[in-house]
Amino acid sequence: MTNANVSASRRVPFLPGSFAGIRLAAILALPFAAVAAPDGMKILKAIEANEAMTEDVRSKVVLTENRKGQGTKVLTMEYFRRDKDKSFVIAMTGPESERGNGYLRQGDHFWMYRRNTRTFQHVNRDESIAGSDAKGGDFESRPFTEMFAPVKDAAGQEMLRADTVGGVPCWRLEVRAIISDVDYPKKTLWVRQDNLLLAKQQSYSSGGTLMQSAYFTRYQPIAGRQLSTRMVFVDEVEKGNRSMVDLSEVKVGKVDPNIFTKAWLESKSR
């Protein structure tokens, strides 16, 4: 799936300053020691290693969406993820108009289920979740080094430099997709210098237009990893549109294999 073919209205994330209580600087500003600049691949491998879960994960999700002139929309869902076979399930629980709908990923296949018609439709990673700015690709874990590589300048040097996010020292790295099946073909990543956790991400179309900014404002230690439990997405095309995803009641451990099936998702709509 190629970003250039996706409408701007489905590329909106969350703006920290737009939601009460979200203060990126306060969340990220933790003590750190100065460190030497890593190379770009080390950064990508660190992101990849942190996102990969060796155990199943389940959580509740609240997606709060603000659209200019339309007010606020709140969606709730159950989320199950199993990285060993690249599977995840989203079962919508609210509002009532969405309850019983859902999404299922099994390996390279991704389906959307609709309660009213009791049908599954094969969709791609850029599919909007319940009409929101969140996409299917936001809920899966994929090896970063299989999707992106650092961009190099004319001298062959990686586009990597020191920068800050909310006053916190970060490394800023430009990357480009090496496969076509990604949400955006160009990205700029900001990772904290002390722990290489992703703090900010900007995504671009193939033509270089800034489409979306994403902020990772809260992490929770889970099974030896740091799981991002609050993400803020800002639509850089349709100004004023933004969304926030909050994960809660996160649990790690074996999930019933039957949950990662069409039959289980369909049963939730009865």
Protein backbone atom coordinates (compact mmCIF):
# COMPACT_ATOMS: atom_id res chain seq x y z
CA MET A 1 0.00 0.00 0.00
CA THR A 2 1.40 3.33 -0.98
CA ASN A 3 0.77 6.54 0.92
CA ALA A 4 0.44 8.60 -2.22
CA ASN A 5 -2.79 6.79 -3.02
CA VAL A 6 -4.41 7.28 0.36
CA SER A 7 -6.67 10.25 1.03
CA ALA A 8 -5.35 12.90 3.37
CA SER A 9 -8.35 12.49 5.63
CA ARG A 10 -7.06 9.08 6.70
CA ARG A 11 -3.63 10.30 7.68
CA VAL A 12 -4.33 12.29 10.84
CA PRO A 13 -2.71 11.72 14.29
CA PHE A 14 -2.57 13.41 17.70
CA LEU A 15 -1.29 16.80 18.82
CA PRO A 16 -0.01 16.91 22.40
CA GLY A 17 -0.90 20.55 23.00
CA SER A 18 -4.48 19.94 21.92
CA PHE A 19 -5.38 17.62 24.79
CA ALA A 20 -5.48 18.60 28.45
CA GLY A 21 -2.84 16.93 30.55
CA ILE A 22 -0.57 15.95 27.68
CA ARG A 23 2.74 17.67 28.16
CA LEU A 24 5.36 16.02 26.03
CA ALA A 25 8.27 17.76 27.71
CA ALA A 26 7.20 16.61 31.16
CA ILE A 27 6.63 13.06 29.99
CA LEU A 28 9.92 12.74 28.18
CA ALA A 29 12.18 14.93 30.31
CA LEU A 30 13.95 12.30 32.37
CA PRO A 31 17.57 12.31 33.50
CA PHE A 32 20.04 11.08 30.91
CA ALA A 33 23.72 10.99 30.19
CA ALA A 34 25.31 12.33 27.03
CA VAL A 35 26.05 9.56 24.55
CA ALA A 36 27.85 9.30 21.24
CA ALA A 37 25.74 9.30 18.10
CA PRO A 38 24.80 5.77 17.01
CA ASP A 39 24.57 4.82 13.37
CA GLY A 40 21.17 4.77 11.66
CA MET A 41 20.84 0.99 11.56
CA LYS A 42 21.47 0.78 15.30
CA ILE A 43 18.54 3.15 15.83
CA LEU A 44 16.26 1.13 13.55
CA LYS A 45 17.27 -2.13 15.22
CA ALA A 46 16.61 -0.62 18.67
CA ILE A 47 13.09 0.44 17.61
CA GLU A 48 12.52 -2.99 16.11
CA ALA A 49 13.76 -4.87 19.17
CA ASN A 50 11.65 -2.81 21.55
CA GLU A 51 8.44 -3.25 19.55
CA ALA A 52 8.77 -7.01 19.11
CA MET A 53 6.87 -8.91 21.81
CA THR A 54 7.81 -12.50 22.60
CA GLU A 55 4.47 -13.05 24.34
CA ASP A 56 0.86 -12.33 23.40
CA VAL A 57 -0.57 -8.97 24.43
CA ARG A 58 -4.11 -7.81 25.13
CA SER A 59 -5.42 -4.41 26.17
CA LYS A 60 -8.30 -1.98 26.12
CA VAL A 61 -8.00 0.90 23.67
CA VAL A 62 -9.64 4.33 23.66
CA LEU A 63 -9.29 6.38 20.49
CA THR A 64 -10.21 10.06 20.87
CA GLU A 65 -10.54 11.91 17.60
CA ASN A 66 -10.93 15.64 17.02
CA ARG A 67 -11.93 16.84 13.57
CA LYS A 68 -12.13 20.49 12.69
CA GLY A 69 -15.75 21.63 12.79
CA GLN A 70 -17.01 18.20 13.87
CA GLY A 71 -16.11 18.05 17.54
CA THR A 72 -14.81 15.02 19.41
CA LYS A 73 -15.46 11.35 18.70
CA VAL A 74 -14.52 8.57 21.13
CA LEU A 75 -14.11 4.94 20.06
CA THR A 76 -13.46 2.01 22.40
CA MET A 77 -12.17 -1.42 21.50
CA GLU A 78 -10.53 -4.63 22.68
CA TYR A 79 -7.12 -5.34 21.19
CA PHE A 80 -5.25 -8.66 20.98
CA ARG A 81 -1.80 -9.10 19.43
CA ARG A 82 0.37 -12.17 18.72
CA ASP A 83 3.68 -11.32 17.07
CA LYS A 84 4.93 -14.85 16.45
CA ASP A 85 2.61 -15.19 13.46
CA LYS A 86 1.93 -11.48 12.81
CA SER A 87 -1.68 -11.60 14.04
CA PHE A 88 -3.89 -9.09 15.78
CA VAL A 89 -7.58 -8.55 16.43
CA ILE A 90 -9.57 -5.39 17.10
CA ALA A 91 -13.10 -5.86 18.44
CA MET A 92 -15.08 -2.62 18.60
CA THR A 93 -17.05 -2.08 21.82
CA GLY A 94 -18.29 1.50 21.40
CA PRO A 95 -20.06 3.61 20.41
CA GLU A 96 -23.17 1.52 19.73
CA SER A 97 -22.97 2.22 16.00
CA GLU A 98 -19.57 0.48 15.92
CA ARG A 99 -20.09 -2.24 18.52
CA GLY A 100 -19.66 -5.69 16.99
CA ASN A 101 -17.52 -4.49 14.10
CA GLY A 102 -13.90 -5.52 14.00
CA TYR A 103 -10.60 -6.17 12.25
CA LEU A 104 -8.49 -9.30 11.95
CA ARG A 105 -4.91 -9.68 10.77
CA GLN A 106 -3.43 -13.11 10.06
CA GLY A 107 0.04 -13.03 8.56
CA ASP A 108 -0.16 -11.05 5.33
CA HIS A 109 -3.98 -10.93 5.29
CA PHE A 110 -6.08 -8.19 6.85
CA TRP A 111 -9.88 -8.24 7.03
CA MET A 112 -12.53 -5.78 8.15
CA TYR A 113 -15.72 -7.28 9.61
CA ARG A 114 -19.09 -5.50 9.54
CA ARG A 115 -21.81 -6.54 11.98
CA ASN A 116 -24.76 -5.36 9.86
CA THR A 117 -23.86 -7.46 6.83
CA ARG A 118 -21.92 -10.19 8.67
CA THR A 119 -19.26 -10.02 5.98
CA PHE A 120 -15.47 -9.84 5.90
CA GLN A 121 -13.73 -7.56 3.44
CA HIS A 122 -10.05 -7.91 2.58
CA VAL A 123 -8.36 -4.52 3.16
CA ASN A 124 -4.82 -3.14 3.40
CA ARG A 125 -2.73 -1.58 6.15
CA ASP A 126 -3.98 1.89 5.32
CA GLU A 127 -7.55 0.96 6.19
CA SER A 128 -9.08 3.48 8.57
CA ILE A 129 -10.19 1.99 11.89
CA ALA A 130 -13.88 2.84 12.29
CA GLY A 131 -13.50 5.92 10.12
CA SER A 132 -10.86 7.40 12.43
CA ASP A 133 -7.35 8.62 11.68
CA ALA A 134 -5.84 5.42 13.08
CA LYS A 135 -4.95 2.81 10.49
CA GLY A 136 -4.57 -0.94 10.60
CA GLY A 137 -0.81 -0.59 10.31
CA ASP A 138 -0.73 1.36 13.58
CA PHE A 139 -1.74 -1.77 15.50
CA GLU A 140 0.79 -4.25 14.16
CA SER A 141 4.46 -4.87 14.82
CA ARG A 142 6.75 -5.27 11.80
CA PRO A 143 10.55 -5.44 11.63
CA PHE A 144 11.67 -1.87 10.97
CA THR A 145 14.85 -2.94 9.21
CA GLU A 146 12.80 -4.92 6.67
CA MET A 147 10.78 -1.82 5.77
CA PHE A 148 13.15 1.16 6.00
CA ALA A 149 16.79 2.12 5.58
CA PRO A 150 18.62 5.32 6.55
CA VAL A 151 18.81 8.06 3.90
CA LYS A 152 22.29 9.17 2.88
CA ASP A 153 23.39 12.54 1.56
CA ALA A 154 25.51 13.23 -1.54
CA ALA A 155 28.64 12.48 0.44
CA GLY A 156 27.32 9.09 1.51
CA GLN A 157 26.70 10.14 5.09
CA GLU A 158 23.50 9.16 6.92
CA MET A 159 20.99 11.96 7.45
CA LEU A 160 21.43 11.77 11.23
CA ARG A 161 21.91 14.65 13.63
CA ALA A 162 21.27 15.77 17.19
CA ASP A 163 17.94 17.50 17.88
CA THR A 164 15.39 17.91 20.66
CA VAL A 165 11.73 17.04 21.20
CA GLY A 166 10.05 18.99 23.98
CA GLY A 167 13.49 20.01 25.21
CA VAL A 168 14.71 16.40 25.43
CA PRO A 169 17.89 15.50 23.51
CA CYS A 170 17.11 13.17 20.62
CA TRP A 171 18.68 11.76 17.50
CA ARG A 172 16.90 12.77 14.30
CA LEU A 173 17.14 10.23 11.47
CA GLU A 174 15.69 10.31 7.96
CA VAL A 175 14.65 6.95 6.49
CA ARG A 176 13.17 5.74 3.23
CA ALA A 177 11.09 2.62 2.52
CA ILE A 178 12.86 -0.30 0.85
CA ILE A 179 9.58 -2.12 0.13
CA SER A 180 6.26 -0.88 -1.27
CA ASP A 181 3.96 -2.32 1.41
CA VAL A 182 4.36 0.46 3.99
CA ASP A 183 2.10 3.22 5.29
CA TYR A 184 4.41 6.06 4.21
CA PRO A 185 7.46 5.86 1.92
CA LYS A 186 9.49 8.51 3.75
CA LYS A 187 9.84 9.19 7.47
CA THR A 188 11.85 11.30 9.87
CA LEU A 189 12.34 9.69 13.28
CA TRP A 190 13.30 11.27 16.59
CA VAL A 191 14.56 8.85 19.25
CA ARG A 192 15.67 9.77 22.75
CA GLN A 193 19.43 9.83 23.15
CA ASP A 194 19.35 8.02 26.50
CA ASN A 195 17.31 4.95 25.55
CA LEU A 196 16.55 5.16 21.79
CA LEU A 197 12.81 5.11 22.41
CA LEU A 198 10.78 6.70 19.63
CA ALA A 199 9.59 10.17 20.69
CA LYS A 200 8.31 11.64 17.42
CA GLN A 201 7.78 10.61 13.83
CA GLN A 202 6.94 12.60 10.72
CA SER A 203 5.62 10.82 7.63
CA TYR A 204 5.86 12.01 4.05
CA SER A 205 4.30 11.14 0.71
CA SER A 206 6.51 9.89 -2.13
CA GLY A 207 6.57 13.47 -3.42
CA GLY A 208 7.92 14.79 -0.13
CA THR A 209 4.72 16.31 1.30
CA LEU A 210 4.47 16.14 5.09
CA MET A 211 1.33 14.10 5.76
CA GLN A 212 1.38 13.28 9.44
CA SER A 213 3.25 13.93 12.68
CA ALA A 214 3.09 11.39 15.49
CA TYR A 215 4.14 11.81 19.12
CA PHE A 216 4.81 8.89 21.47
CA THR A 217 4.14 10.49 24.81
CA ARG A 218 3.86 7.57 27.23
CA TYR A 219 5.53 4.19 27.58
CA GLN A 220 4.88 1.30 29.95
CA PRO A 221 7.38 -1.46 30.79
CA ILE A 222 5.94 -4.76 29.58
CA ALA A 223 7.78 -8.10 29.43
CA GLY A 224 11.21 -6.51 29.13
CA ARG A 225 10.04 -4.00 26.53
CA GLN A 226 8.75 -0.43 26.62
CA LEU A 227 5.26 -0.47 25.11
CA SER A 228 3.92 2.81 23.73
CA THR A 229 0.60 3.34 25.51
CA ARG A 230 -0.23 6.85 24.34
CA MET A 231 0.19 8.06 20.77
CA VAL A 232 -0.82 11.45 19.43
CA PHE A 233 -1.30 11.88 15.67
CA VAL A 234 -1.58 15.23 13.88
CA ASP A 235 -2.91 15.63 10.35
CA GLU A 236 -0.48 17.94 8.59
CA VAL A 237 -2.65 18.23 5.47
CA GLU A 238 -6.08 18.92 6.94
CA LYS A 239 -5.04 21.27 9.72
CA GLY A 240 -7.01 20.98 12.95
CA ASN A 241 -7.55 17.23 12.71
CA ARG A 242 -5.89 15.07 15.34
CA SER A 243 -6.36 11.82 17.23
CA MET A 244 -5.08 10.20 20.41
CA VAL A 245 -4.78 6.49 21.17
CA ASP A 246 -4.61 5.29 24.78
CA LEU A 247 -3.90 1.70 25.79
CA SER A 248 -4.91 0.52 29.26
CA GLU A 249 -5.28 -2.74 31.21
CA VAL A 250 -2.35 -4.12 29.25
CA LYS A 251 -1.75 -7.81 29.95
CA VAL A 252 0.95 -10.13 28.67
CA GLY A 253 0.51 -13.88 28.36
CA LYS A 254 -0.96 -16.52 26.13
CA VAL A 255 -4.19 -15.47 24.41
CA ASP A 256 -6.71 -18.13 23.39
CA PRO A 257 -5.80 -19.00 19.76
CA ASN A 258 -9.50 -19.02 18.86
CA ILE A 259 -9.58 -15.24 19.33
CA PHE A 260 -7.40 -14.79 16.24
CA THR A 261 -10.10 -16.18 13.95
CA LYS A 262 -13.01 -14.93 11.87
CA ALA A 263 -15.38 -17.14 13.87
CA TRP A 264 -14.49 -15.45 17.17
CA LEU A 265 -14.79 -11.95 15.73
CA GLU A 266 -18.15 -12.78 14.20
CA SER A 267 -19.35 -14.20 17.54
CA LYS A 268 -18.78 -10.82 19.18
CA SER A 269 -21.52 -9.26 17.03
CA ARG A 270 -24.26 -11.63 18.17
